[in-house]
Amino acid sequence: MPRDATLEDVARHAGVSLATASRVLNGSTRQVGRALRERVERAAAELGYTTNRAAQALARSASDILGLVVHDLSDPYFAVVANAVVRESERHGLSVMVGTTFRDPEAEIGYVATLRAQRVRAIVLAGSRIADETVTERLRAEIDRFQGGGGRAALIGQDLLGVDTVVPDNRAGAYELARALAGLGHTRFAVLTGPSFLLTAVDRVEGFTAGLAAAGLPEPLLIPGPFDRDGGYLAAERLLALRDTTAAGVTCVFAVNDVMAVGALAALRAHGVAVPEQISVAGFDDIPTLRDLTPSLTTVRLPLADMGRRAVELALATTGPAAEPATAEVVLRESTRRVS
């Protein structure tokens, strides 16, 4: 006996996403263009699809909960984003359920599945994607299942999941930082890179390297380390151990995020290396805690709070998917100096 047609069958037959098929057939208030609607309805009729009444009810009466999944709330980057998401959600009459993954992609997939089971109205994911296509596709499939049931999702990070995305301008920001530091007379750089599987780190390293090349300068010395304060500390110590060999002549260090830069500054201070007199240091993000740092840190500013607010707006919107850039701005401060 043949099985009944499923919503996935209809979406595949119509050549549309699962979320689009659900909006047409499950009575969502979110609008779908006439041509797409007719294509989905025709596919449903041809396959003999029977509408799922429970899914209709969910689509029409979503809960008042928004799910937020972040990498690490102890990182000021995510704390600012999360605060903005909560405030914007409250403005829309929504409460926020928060999950922290500690950059474990399996935990991220698990949180999305849990939030889907909880029937939250929308999900915002904040954090870098990783260089693993299999994991990315599994997460994308889980999000498709959530949207197929009438939910909505938005992302802050790389535009890889087929949902509305706020895209931090990591590559361009790092490129402009390299040009600005080269303009101060620096010619030999080291980069504290973070992990190679984290696409945010990769984008920033590649952008910085391209900026140096555009200024006619050689590639930087790359020193990997975890994407946190302790990772920056350890990477800076590795750099100091190389001062008489491969790091000879380095006058400026770029840490691919501010918390790594804070760790690097602590390591340099512990080893009696003056910043910026002996070596300059720069970071990326412009997290709020930099206000109390001495010397004040040169960095690339991202509009973190605006990114969180915009992600909520996108998650609650009726259109998509769309990618919106979050512009980065170079901010030169005391931790970098001009060299002759």
Protein backbone atom coordinates (compact mmCIF):
# COMPACT_ATOMS: atom_id res chain seq x y z
CA MET A 1 0.00 0.00 0.00
CA PRO A 2 1.58 3.34 -1.01
CA ARG A 3 2.30 5.85 1.76
CA ASP A 4 0.52 9.18 1.98
CA ALA A 5 2.29 12.18 0.46
CA THR A 6 4.14 14.36 2.96
CA LEU A 7 4.80 18.09 3.02
CA GLU A 8 8.42 17.33 2.09
CA ASP A 9 7.15 15.46 -1.00
CA VAL A 10 5.07 18.47 -2.03
CA ALA A 11 7.98 20.89 -1.54
CA ARG A 12 10.27 18.66 -3.59
CA HIS A 13 7.69 18.20 -6.36
CA ALA A 14 7.02 21.96 -6.53
CA GLY A 15 10.71 22.86 -6.40
CA VAL A 16 10.34 25.12 -3.36
CA SER A 17 11.62 25.13 0.21
CA LEU A 18 9.83 23.24 2.96
CA ALA A 19 9.06 26.57 4.66
CA THR A 20 7.36 27.94 1.51
CA ALA A 21 5.25 24.81 1.08
CA SER A 22 4.18 25.03 4.71
CA ARG A 23 3.15 28.67 4.40
CA VAL A 24 0.92 27.83 1.46
CA LEU A 25 -0.66 24.65 2.79
CA ASN A 26 -0.70 25.14 6.56
CA GLY A 27 -2.49 28.46 6.65
CA SER A 28 0.37 30.75 7.74
CA THR A 29 -0.34 34.47 7.72
CA ARG A 30 3.04 35.04 6.06
CA GLN A 31 2.56 35.90 2.43
CA VAL A 32 3.79 33.84 -0.53
CA GLY A 33 3.82 35.14 -4.10
CA ARG A 34 1.01 34.07 -6.40
CA ALA A 35 3.21 32.05 -8.76
CA LEU A 36 4.81 30.08 -5.92
CA ARG A 37 1.44 29.54 -4.23
CA GLU A 38 -0.09 28.14 -7.43
CA ARG A 39 2.92 25.87 -7.97
CA VAL A 40 2.66 24.44 -4.44
CA GLU A 41 -1.13 23.98 -4.66
CA ARG A 42 -0.76 22.22 -8.01
CA ALA A 43 1.91 19.88 -6.61
CA ALA A 44 -0.28 19.11 -3.59
CA ALA A 45 -3.22 18.25 -5.83
CA GLU A 46 -1.11 16.04 -8.09
CA LEU A 47 0.28 14.10 -5.10
CA GLY A 48 -2.99 13.92 -3.23
CA TYR A 49 -1.53 15.68 -0.20
CA THR A 50 -3.82 15.99 2.85
CA THR A 51 -3.30 19.10 4.98
CA ASN A 52 -1.98 18.60 8.52
CA ARG A 53 -4.50 20.38 10.76
CA ALA A 54 -2.10 20.49 13.71
CA ALA A 55 0.50 22.28 11.61
CA GLN A 56 -2.18 24.74 10.49
CA ALA A 57 -2.98 25.56 14.07
CA LEU A 58 0.67 26.08 14.95
CA ALA A 59 1.25 28.34 11.94
CA ARG A 60 -1.76 30.49 12.87
CA SER A 61 -1.08 30.73 16.60
CA ALA A 62 2.65 30.74 17.23
CA SER A 63 3.79 30.94 20.84
CA ASP A 64 5.09 34.08 22.49
CA ILE A 65 8.62 32.66 22.84
CA LEU A 66 11.68 33.50 20.75
CA GLY A 67 14.62 31.10 20.98
CA LEU A 68 18.14 32.56 21.00
CA VAL A 69 21.14 30.28 20.41
CA VAL A 70 24.59 31.83 21.00
CA HIS A 71 28.13 30.51 21.25
CA ASP A 72 29.25 31.88 24.62
CA LEU A 73 27.50 34.44 26.86
CA SER A 74 30.73 35.05 28.79
CA ASP A 75 32.10 36.61 25.58
CA PRO A 76 31.09 40.32 25.58
CA TYR A 77 30.35 40.09 21.84
CA PHE A 78 27.51 37.66 22.47
CA ALA A 79 26.42 39.39 25.68
CA VAL A 80 25.76 42.63 23.76
CA VAL A 81 23.96 40.79 20.96
CA ALA A 82 21.85 38.79 23.44
CA ASN A 83 20.89 41.90 25.39
CA ALA A 84 19.70 43.56 22.18
CA VAL A 85 17.74 40.45 21.16
CA VAL A 86 15.98 40.35 24.54
CA ARG A 87 15.09 44.04 24.45
CA GLU A 88 13.79 43.90 20.87
CA SER A 89 11.82 40.72 21.59
CA GLU A 90 10.18 42.35 24.61
CA ARG A 91 9.16 45.25 22.38
CA HIS A 92 7.27 42.69 20.27
CA GLY A 93 5.67 41.09 23.33
CA LEU A 94 7.93 38.01 23.25
CA SER A 95 9.92 36.27 25.96
CA VAL A 96 13.35 34.82 25.13
CA MET A 97 14.64 31.30 25.77
CA VAL A 98 18.47 31.24 25.57
CA GLY A 99 20.79 28.33 24.77
CA THR A 100 24.60 28.49 24.89
CA THR A 101 26.56 26.08 22.67
CA PHE A 102 30.17 26.89 23.65
CA ARG A 103 30.89 26.62 19.90
CA ASP A 104 29.81 22.97 19.77
CA PRO A 105 27.93 22.53 16.45
CA GLU A 106 26.17 19.41 17.75
CA ALA A 107 24.80 21.43 20.66
CA GLU A 108 23.58 24.07 18.22
CA ILE A 109 21.67 21.48 16.18
CA GLY A 110 20.27 20.03 19.40
CA TYR A 111 19.05 23.43 20.61
CA VAL A 112 17.22 24.09 17.34
CA ALA A 113 15.54 20.67 17.60
CA THR A 114 14.53 21.38 21.21
CA LEU A 115 13.16 24.81 20.35
CA ARG A 116 11.19 23.27 17.49
CA ALA A 117 9.70 20.77 19.92
CA GLN A 118 8.83 23.64 22.27
CA ARG A 119 7.00 25.30 19.36
CA VAL A 120 8.67 28.68 19.80
CA ARG A 121 7.60 31.38 17.40
CA ALA A 122 11.05 32.20 16.03
CA ILE A 123 14.73 31.35 16.46
CA VAL A 124 17.77 33.62 16.25
CA LEU A 125 21.20 31.97 15.92
CA ALA A 126 24.21 34.16 16.68
CA GLY A 127 27.72 33.02 15.87
CA SER A 128 30.15 31.95 13.20
CA ARG A 129 29.50 29.01 10.93
CA ILE A 130 32.17 26.32 10.76
CA ALA A 131 34.08 24.84 7.83
CA ASP A 132 32.14 21.56 7.81
CA GLU A 133 29.55 21.25 5.04
CA THR A 134 28.00 18.11 6.53
CA VAL A 135 27.30 19.79 9.87
CA THR A 136 26.04 22.91 8.11
CA GLU A 137 23.59 20.88 6.03
CA ARG A 138 22.33 19.04 9.12
CA LEU A 139 21.67 22.34 10.87
CA ARG A 140 20.01 23.71 7.77
CA ALA A 141 17.74 20.65 7.58
CA GLU A 142 16.74 21.09 11.23
CA ILE A 143 15.91 24.75 10.59
CA ASP A 144 13.90 23.74 7.51
CA ARG A 145 11.87 21.37 9.67
CA PHE A 146 11.22 24.18 12.14
CA GLN A 147 10.15 26.57 9.39
CA GLY A 148 8.13 23.83 7.75
CA GLY A 149 5.98 23.80 10.87
CA GLY A 150 5.32 27.53 10.64
CA GLY A 151 8.27 28.93 12.61
CA ARG A 152 10.76 31.53 11.46
CA ALA A 153 14.54 31.76 11.86
CA ALA A 154 17.26 34.37 11.41
CA LEU A 155 21.03 34.21 11.70
CA ILE A 156 23.90 36.51 12.68
CA GLY A 157 26.93 35.16 10.84
CA GLN A 158 27.81 33.78 7.42
CA ASP A 159 24.88 33.47 5.00
CA LEU A 160 24.91 29.66 4.71
CA LEU A 161 21.62 28.42 6.17
CA GLY A 162 19.04 29.72 3.71
CA VAL A 163 17.40 32.07 6.24
CA ASP A 164 17.39 35.83 6.77
CA THR A 165 20.92 36.72 7.86
CA VAL A 166 22.74 39.69 9.35
CA VAL A 167 26.24 39.34 7.90
CA PRO A 168 29.11 40.99 9.85
CA ASP A 169 31.53 42.59 7.39
CA ASN A 170 34.48 40.60 8.74
CA ARG A 171 36.59 40.39 5.61
CA ALA A 172 36.23 44.05 4.59
CA GLY A 173 36.78 45.26 8.15
CA ALA A 174 40.02 43.31 8.50
CA TYR A 175 41.13 44.50 5.06
CA GLU A 176 40.67 48.15 6.05
CA LEU A 177 42.42 47.55 9.39
CA ALA A 178 45.48 46.18 7.58
CA ARG A 179 45.57 49.23 5.31
CA ALA A 180 45.26 51.57 8.30
CA LEU A 181 48.06 49.86 10.22
CA ALA A 182 50.27 49.84 7.14
CA GLY A 183 49.58 53.57 6.93
CA LEU A 184 51.18 53.92 10.38
CA GLY A 185 54.41 52.56 8.92
CA HIS A 186 54.21 48.94 10.09
CA THR A 187 55.60 46.46 7.59
CA ARG A 188 55.90 43.18 9.51
CA PHE A 189 52.82 41.72 11.17
CA ALA A 190 51.72 38.70 13.19
CA VAL A 191 48.10 37.51 13.33
CA LEU A 192 46.65 35.57 16.26
CA THR A 193 44.28 33.62 14.07
CA GLY A 194 41.86 31.67 16.19
CA PRO A 195 40.84 28.16 15.06
CA SER A 196 41.02 27.37 11.34
CA PHE A 197 37.56 25.74 11.27
CA LEU A 198 35.78 28.91 12.45
CA LEU A 199 34.71 30.91 9.39
CA THR A 200 34.68 34.25 11.19
CA ALA A 201 38.33 33.78 12.06
CA VAL A 202 39.12 32.62 8.52
CA ASP A 203 37.34 35.62 6.96
CA ARG A 204 39.24 38.07 9.17
CA VAL A 205 42.62 36.49 8.52
CA GLU A 206 42.01 36.43 4.77
CA GLY A 207 40.77 40.03 4.74
CA PHE A 208 43.77 41.23 6.74
CA THR A 209 46.22 39.35 4.53
CA ALA A 210 44.58 40.81 1.41
CA GLY A 211 44.85 44.31 2.89
CA LEU A 212 48.58 43.85 3.48
CA ALA A 213 49.03 42.59 -0.07
CA ALA A 214 47.19 45.65 -1.41
CA ALA A 215 49.66 47.80 0.53
CA GLY A 216 52.58 45.92 -1.02
CA LEU A 217 53.51 44.14 2.22
CA PRO A 218 54.39 40.48 2.83
CA GLU A 219 52.01 37.95 4.36
CA PRO A 220 51.80 38.05 8.17
CA LEU A 221 53.11 35.42 10.55
CA LEU A 222 50.09 33.29 11.55
CA ILE A 223 49.83 31.98 15.12
CA PRO A 224 46.70 29.90 15.91
CA GLY A 225 44.95 29.66 19.24
CA PRO A 226 41.50 29.28 20.82
CA PHE A 227 38.98 32.05 20.06
CA ASP A 228 38.98 33.46 23.61
CA ARG A 229 41.05 35.45 26.12
CA ASP A 230 43.25 32.51 27.12
CA GLY A 231 43.78 31.66 23.45
CA GLY A 232 45.10 35.17 22.87
CA TYR A 233 47.39 34.90 25.90
CA LEU A 234 48.90 31.60 24.74
CA ALA A 235 49.27 32.77 21.14
CA ALA A 236 51.07 35.91 22.29
CA GLU A 237 53.46 33.81 24.37
CA ARG A 238 54.19 31.69 21.27
CA LEU A 239 54.91 34.89 19.37
CA LEU A 240 57.35 36.05 22.03
CA ALA A 241 59.14 32.70 21.88
CA LEU A 242 59.73 33.33 18.17
CA ARG A 243 61.12 36.88 18.50
CA ASP A 244 64.65 35.82 17.60
CA THR A 245 63.61 33.64 14.65
CA THR A 246 60.45 33.75 12.50
CA ALA A 247 58.91 36.65 14.43
CA ALA A 248 61.97 38.86 14.13
CA GLY A 249 60.98 42.33 12.97
CA VAL A 250 57.28 42.04 13.87
CA THR A 251 56.06 45.44 15.10
CA CYS A 252 52.30 44.90 15.08
CA VAL A 253 49.98 42.09 16.20
CA PHE A 254 46.40 41.63 15.00
CA ALA A 255 44.20 39.38 17.15
CA VAL A 256 41.09 38.31 15.22
CA ASN A 257 38.76 39.26 18.06
CA ASP A 258 38.97 41.64 20.99
CA VAL A 259 38.96 39.01 23.73
CA MET A 260 42.04 37.40 22.15
CA ALA A 261 43.61 40.85 21.98
CA VAL A 262 42.92 41.38 25.68
CA GLY A 263 44.67 38.08 26.42
CA ALA A 264 47.60 39.09 24.21
CA LEU A 265 47.96 42.41 26.04
CA ALA A 266 48.04 40.54 29.37
CA ALA A 267 50.76 38.18 28.10
CA LEU A 268 52.87 41.02 26.74
CA ARG A 269 52.53 42.92 30.02
CA ALA A 270 53.49 39.80 32.01
CA HIS A 271 56.66 39.44 29.92
CA GLY A 272 57.62 43.10 30.23
CA VAL A 273 56.87 44.04 26.62
CA ALA A 274 55.52 47.59 26.39
CA VAL A 275 52.48 48.31 24.19
CA PRO A 276 52.64 50.21 21.90
CA GLU A 277 56.26 51.30 22.46
CA GLN A 278 57.76 47.89 21.65
CA ILE A 279 54.88 46.31 19.76
CA SER A 280 51.43 47.46 18.63
CA VAL A 281 48.26 45.40 19.14
CA ALA A 282 44.87 45.52 17.42
CA GLY A 283 41.66 43.52 17.76
CA PHE A 284 38.23 43.20 16.16
CA ASP A 285 34.60 43.77 17.38
CA ASP A 286 34.85 46.82 19.72
CA ILE A 287 33.29 45.09 22.72
CA PRO A 288 32.11 47.42 25.55
CA THR A 289 34.71 46.24 28.09
CA LEU A 290 37.42 47.94 26.01
CA ARG A 291 36.38 51.24 27.62
CA ASP A 292 38.32 50.31 30.77
CA LEU A 293 41.39 48.88 29.00
CA THR A 294 44.82 50.52 29.20
CA PRO A 295 46.17 51.21 26.66
CA SER A 296 42.90 51.64 24.78
CA LEU A 297 42.65 49.04 22.00
CA THR A 298 42.72 49.71 18.29
CA THR A 299 39.98 47.58 16.79
CA VAL A 300 37.30 47.18 14.13
CA ARG A 301 33.87 48.23 15.35
CA LEU A 302 30.82 46.14 14.54
CA PRO A 303 27.31 47.46 15.39
CA LEU A 304 26.68 44.59 17.82
CA ALA A 305 23.47 45.84 19.41
CA ASP A 306 22.00 46.80 16.05
CA MET A 307 22.88 43.34 14.73
CA GLY A 308 20.85 41.74 17.54
CA ARG A 309 17.87 44.04 17.00
CA ARG A 310 17.90 43.53 13.25
CA ALA A 311 18.05 39.73 13.62
CA VAL A 312 14.85 39.80 15.67
CA GLU A 313 13.15 42.00 13.08
CA LEU A 314 14.16 39.58 10.34
CA ALA A 315 13.01 36.56 12.33
CA LEU A 316 9.57 38.12 12.74
CA ALA A 317 9.29 39.43 9.18
CA THR A 318 7.14 37.90 6.45
CA THR A 319 9.73 38.06 3.68
CA GLY A 320 13.04 36.35 3.09
CA PRO A 321 15.52 34.88 2.93
CA ALA A 322 17.71 37.98 2.69
CA ALA A 323 21.26 38.87 3.68
CA GLU A 324 21.96 42.26 5.26
CA PRO A 325 25.53 43.47 5.85
CA ALA A 326 26.65 44.85 9.22
CA THR A 327 29.26 47.44 8.29
CA ALA A 328 32.63 47.39 10.06
CA GLU A 329 34.58 50.53 11.00
CA VAL A 330 38.29 50.83 11.89
CA VAL A 331 38.93 52.61 15.20
CA LEU A 332 42.55 53.59 15.88
CA ARG A 333 43.44 53.97 19.57
CA GLU A 334 46.45 54.00 21.91
CA SER A 335 47.53 50.35 21.47
CA THR A 336 48.96 51.07 18.01
CA ARG A 337 51.50 53.76 17.18
CA ARG A 338 53.20 55.18 14.16
CA VAL A 339 56.64 53.74 13.39
CA SER A 340 59.36 55.33 11.30
